[in-house]
Each structure stands twice: as structure tokens, then as C-alpha cells.
Amino acid sequence: MGGTSEQQNAVTLLWQEHLVAPFPPRLRTADPAGVDVVLLDAGIAGCVSVWRKNGGRLDAGRQRTLLHCARELERALPLVTDAEELRYLLRLRRLAELTAAH
């Protein structure tokens, strides 16, 4: 089942924000709570790209990947105190949650 128009609009807006947001430099080397944010970012971006290309649809494997990434971000978030880093990670988590939803 494809995403709703409201869901697609929300993902589109978040995705546009994400594409122009610089990756927080400290998170290139810091792994809060053992979470490799660079890998999560790449994994989520790939899944979101497929979701958008497929009209709001994802296979079960990519949905699981997104849910795993969102859980990993949940572990990392309490250890991140920089406002820009938090904004970046919260947006990334929201993208994962929205695109994983049916």
C-alpha cells in the first residue's frame, strides 16, 4: 500500500530539508551510544529515496531497516546535546518513521 498524500507531503518537506542540511561534523567521528550515525544516515537516505521513487511503497526488508535505524537513533539522541546535531537526528528519525509506516 502506498503512502497517503499527507504522509508523502510530510516526507517531501523533511527530505528537502535534509538534502540541504549539512551533516554535523562531530557526528562523522562520534558514535553516541555506539551508534554509527554516518551509516544510519546513508541507510535511511537510501530507503527514503526508494520510498519516494515507488510512490510511497517499500518492501518489508527496507521497512525493517528503517525501524531498526529509528530505534538506533532513539539510543543515540539522549547523548547528543548540540542543537544542530539534535535537529539533524530528529529529522532523520522522523523520516525513518514516516517512510516505514504503512
C-alpha atoms as a PDB file:
ATOM      1  CA  MET A   1       0.000   0.000   0.000  1.00  0.00           C
ATOM      2  CA  GLY A   2       1.373   3.441  -0.908  1.00  0.00           C
ATOM      3  CA  GLY A   3       1.768   6.348   1.455  1.00  0.00           C
ATOM      4  CA  THR A   4      -1.046   8.808   1.986  1.00  0.00           C
ATOM      5  CA  SER A   5      -0.805  12.174   0.333  1.00  0.00           C
ATOM      6  CA  GLU A   6      -0.356  13.817   3.763  1.00  0.00           C
ATOM      7  CA  GLN A   7       2.417  11.359   4.587  1.00  0.00           C
ATOM      8  CA  GLN A   8       4.055  11.929   1.191  1.00  0.00           C
ATOM      9  CA  ASN A   9       3.899  15.697   1.663  1.00  0.00           C
ATOM     10  CA  ALA A  10       5.482  15.434   5.110  1.00  0.00           C
ATOM     11  CA  VAL A  11       8.266  13.197   3.784  1.00  0.00           C
ATOM     12  CA  THR A  12       8.842  15.530   0.826  1.00  0.00           C
ATOM     13  CA  LEU A  13       9.252  18.544   3.115  1.00  0.00           C
ATOM     14  CA  LEU A  14      11.535  16.715   5.532  1.00  0.00           C
ATOM     15  CA  TRP A  15      13.532  15.231   2.652  1.00  0.00           C
ATOM     16  CA  GLN A  16      14.061  18.659   1.074  1.00  0.00           C
ATOM     17  CA  GLU A  17      15.262  19.999   4.430  1.00  0.00           C
ATOM     18  CA  HIS A  18      17.525  17.003   4.874  1.00  0.00           C
ATOM     19  CA  LEU A  19      19.113  17.328   1.448  1.00  0.00           C
ATOM     20  CA  VAL A  20      20.296  20.884   2.111  1.00  0.00           C
ATOM     21  CA  ALA A  21      21.278  20.372   5.762  1.00  0.00           C
ATOM     22  CA  PRO A  22      24.991  19.870   6.289  1.00  0.00           C
ATOM     23  CA  PHE A  23      25.933  16.685   8.101  1.00  0.00           C
ATOM     24  CA  PRO A  24      27.052  17.660  11.617  1.00  0.00           C
ATOM     25  CA  PRO A  25      30.860  17.465  11.532  1.00  0.00           C
ATOM     26  CA  ARG A  26      31.279  15.979  15.024  1.00  0.00           C
ATOM     27  CA  LEU A  27      28.947  13.094  14.178  1.00  0.00           C
ATOM     28  CA  ARG A  28      31.353  11.941  11.452  1.00  0.00           C
ATOM     29  CA  THR A  29      33.607  10.547  14.158  1.00  0.00           C
ATOM     30  CA  ALA A  30      31.465  10.432  17.314  1.00  0.00           C
ATOM     31  CA  ASP A  31      29.343   7.328  17.830  1.00  0.00           C
ATOM     32  CA  PRO A  32      26.845   8.276  20.559  1.00  0.00           C
ATOM     33  CA  ALA A  33      25.745   5.125  22.417  1.00  0.00           C
ATOM     34  CA  GLY A  34      27.802   3.123  19.915  1.00  0.00           C
ATOM     35  CA  VAL A  35      25.578   4.294  17.053  1.00  0.00           C
ATOM     36  CA  ASP A  36      27.309   4.984  13.726  1.00  0.00           C
ATOM     37  CA  VAL A  37      25.268   7.974  12.587  1.00  0.00           C
ATOM     38  CA  VAL A  38      27.007   8.112   9.197  1.00  0.00           C
ATOM     39  CA  LEU A  39      25.801   4.585   8.363  1.00  0.00           C
ATOM     40  CA  LEU A  40      22.303   5.294   9.665  1.00  0.00           C
ATOM     41  CA  ASP A  41      22.111   8.456   7.592  1.00  0.00           C
ATOM     42  CA  ALA A  42      23.136   6.590   4.446  1.00  0.00           C
ATOM     43  CA  GLY A  43      20.758   3.700   5.113  1.00  0.00           C
ATOM     44  CA  ILE A  44      17.790   5.939   5.798  1.00  0.00           C
ATOM     45  CA  ALA A  45      18.557   8.125   2.779  1.00  0.00           C
ATOM     46  CA  GLY A  46      18.628   5.080   0.515  1.00  0.00           C
ATOM     47  CA  CYS A  47      15.314   3.779   1.838  1.00  0.00           C
ATOM     48  CA  VAL A  48      13.657   7.194   1.607  1.00  0.00           C
ATOM     49  CA  SER A  49      14.839   7.529  -1.989  1.00  0.00           C
ATOM     50  CA  VAL A  50      13.303   4.158  -2.876  1.00  0.00           C
ATOM     51  CA  TRP A  51      10.093   5.033  -0.996  1.00  0.00           C
ATOM     52  CA  ARG A  52       9.743   8.275  -2.964  1.00  0.00           C
ATOM     53  CA  LYS A  53      10.561   6.604  -6.278  1.00  0.00           C
ATOM     54  CA  ASN A  54       7.984   3.867  -5.594  1.00  0.00           C
ATOM     55  CA  GLY A  55       5.146   6.241  -4.770  1.00  0.00           C
ATOM     56  CA  GLY A  56       5.246   5.680  -1.019  1.00  0.00           C
ATOM     57  CA  ARG A  57       5.840   1.924  -1.062  1.00  0.00           C
ATOM     58  CA  LEU A  58       8.653  -0.116   0.427  1.00  0.00           C
ATOM     59  CA  ASP A  59       9.435  -3.787   0.660  1.00  0.00           C
ATOM     60  CA  ALA A  60       9.428  -5.450   4.075  1.00  0.00           C
ATOM     61  CA  GLY A  61      13.225  -5.532   4.274  1.00  0.00           C
ATOM     62  CA  ARG A  62      13.569  -1.783   3.865  1.00  0.00           C
ATOM     63  CA  GLN A  63      10.762  -1.195   6.352  1.00  0.00           C
ATOM     64  CA  ARG A  64      12.665  -3.297   8.890  1.00  0.00           C
ATOM     65  CA  THR A  65      15.845  -1.372   8.119  1.00  0.00           C
ATOM     66  CA  LEU A  66      14.082   1.942   8.746  1.00  0.00           C
ATOM     67  CA  LEU A  67      12.563   0.753  12.011  1.00  0.00           C
ATOM     68  CA  HIS A  68      15.966  -0.516  13.164  1.00  0.00           C
ATOM     69  CA  CYS A  69      17.551   2.833  12.248  1.00  0.00           C
ATOM     70  CA  ALA A  70      14.846   4.743  14.149  1.00  0.00           C
ATOM     71  CA  ARG A  71      15.492   2.571  17.236  1.00  0.00           C
ATOM     72  CA  GLU A  72      19.240   3.179  16.961  1.00  0.00           C
ATOM     73  CA  LEU A  73      18.650   6.924  16.747  1.00  0.00           C
ATOM     74  CA  GLU A  74      16.488   6.695  19.882  1.00  0.00           C
ATOM     75  CA  ARG A  75      19.502   5.229  21.706  1.00  0.00           C
ATOM     76  CA  ALA A  76      21.802   7.979  20.457  1.00  0.00           C
ATOM     77  CA  LEU A  77      19.552  11.005  20.987  1.00  0.00           C
ATOM     78  CA  PRO A  78      19.865  11.269  24.797  1.00  0.00           C
ATOM     79  CA  LEU A  79      23.646  11.627  24.423  1.00  0.00           C
ATOM     80  CA  VAL A  80      23.510  14.423  21.860  1.00  0.00           C
ATOM     81  CA  THR A  81      23.356  17.931  23.321  1.00  0.00           C
ATOM     82  CA  ASP A  82      24.271  20.169  20.382  1.00  0.00           C
ATOM     83  CA  ALA A  83      21.145  21.858  18.949  1.00  0.00           C
ATOM     84  CA  GLU A  84      22.128  21.402  15.276  1.00  0.00           C
ATOM     85  CA  GLU A  85      23.030  17.753  15.820  1.00  0.00           C
ATOM     86  CA  LEU A  86      19.735  17.154  17.618  1.00  0.00           C
ATOM     87  CA  ARG A  87      17.750  18.824  14.857  1.00  0.00           C
ATOM     88  CA  TYR A  88      19.547  16.715  12.241  1.00  0.00           C
ATOM     89  CA  LEU A  89      18.991  13.438  14.106  1.00  0.00           C
ATOM     90  CA  LEU A  90      15.357  14.184  14.968  1.00  0.00           C
ATOM     91  CA  ARG A  91      14.619  14.930  11.313  1.00  0.00           C
ATOM     92  CA  LEU A  92      16.399  11.738  10.280  1.00  0.00           C
ATOM     93  CA  ARG A  93      14.409   9.702  12.805  1.00  0.00           C
ATOM     94  CA  ARG A  94      11.138  11.254  11.629  1.00  0.00           C
ATOM     95  CA  LEU A  95      11.999  10.425   8.007  1.00  0.00           C
ATOM     96  CA  ALA A  96      12.655   6.810   9.026  1.00  0.00           C
ATOM     97  CA  GLU A  97       9.396   6.570  10.967  1.00  0.00           C
ATOM     98  CA  LEU A  98       7.237   8.153   8.264  1.00  0.00           C
ATOM     99  CA  THR A  99       8.620   6.077   5.422  1.00  0.00           C
ATOM    100  CA  ALA A 100       8.456   2.844   7.433  1.00  0.00           C
ATOM    101  CA  ALA A 101       4.759   3.431   8.234  1.00  0.00           C
ATOM    102  CA  HIS A 102       2.178   1.724   6.040  1.00  0.00           C
END
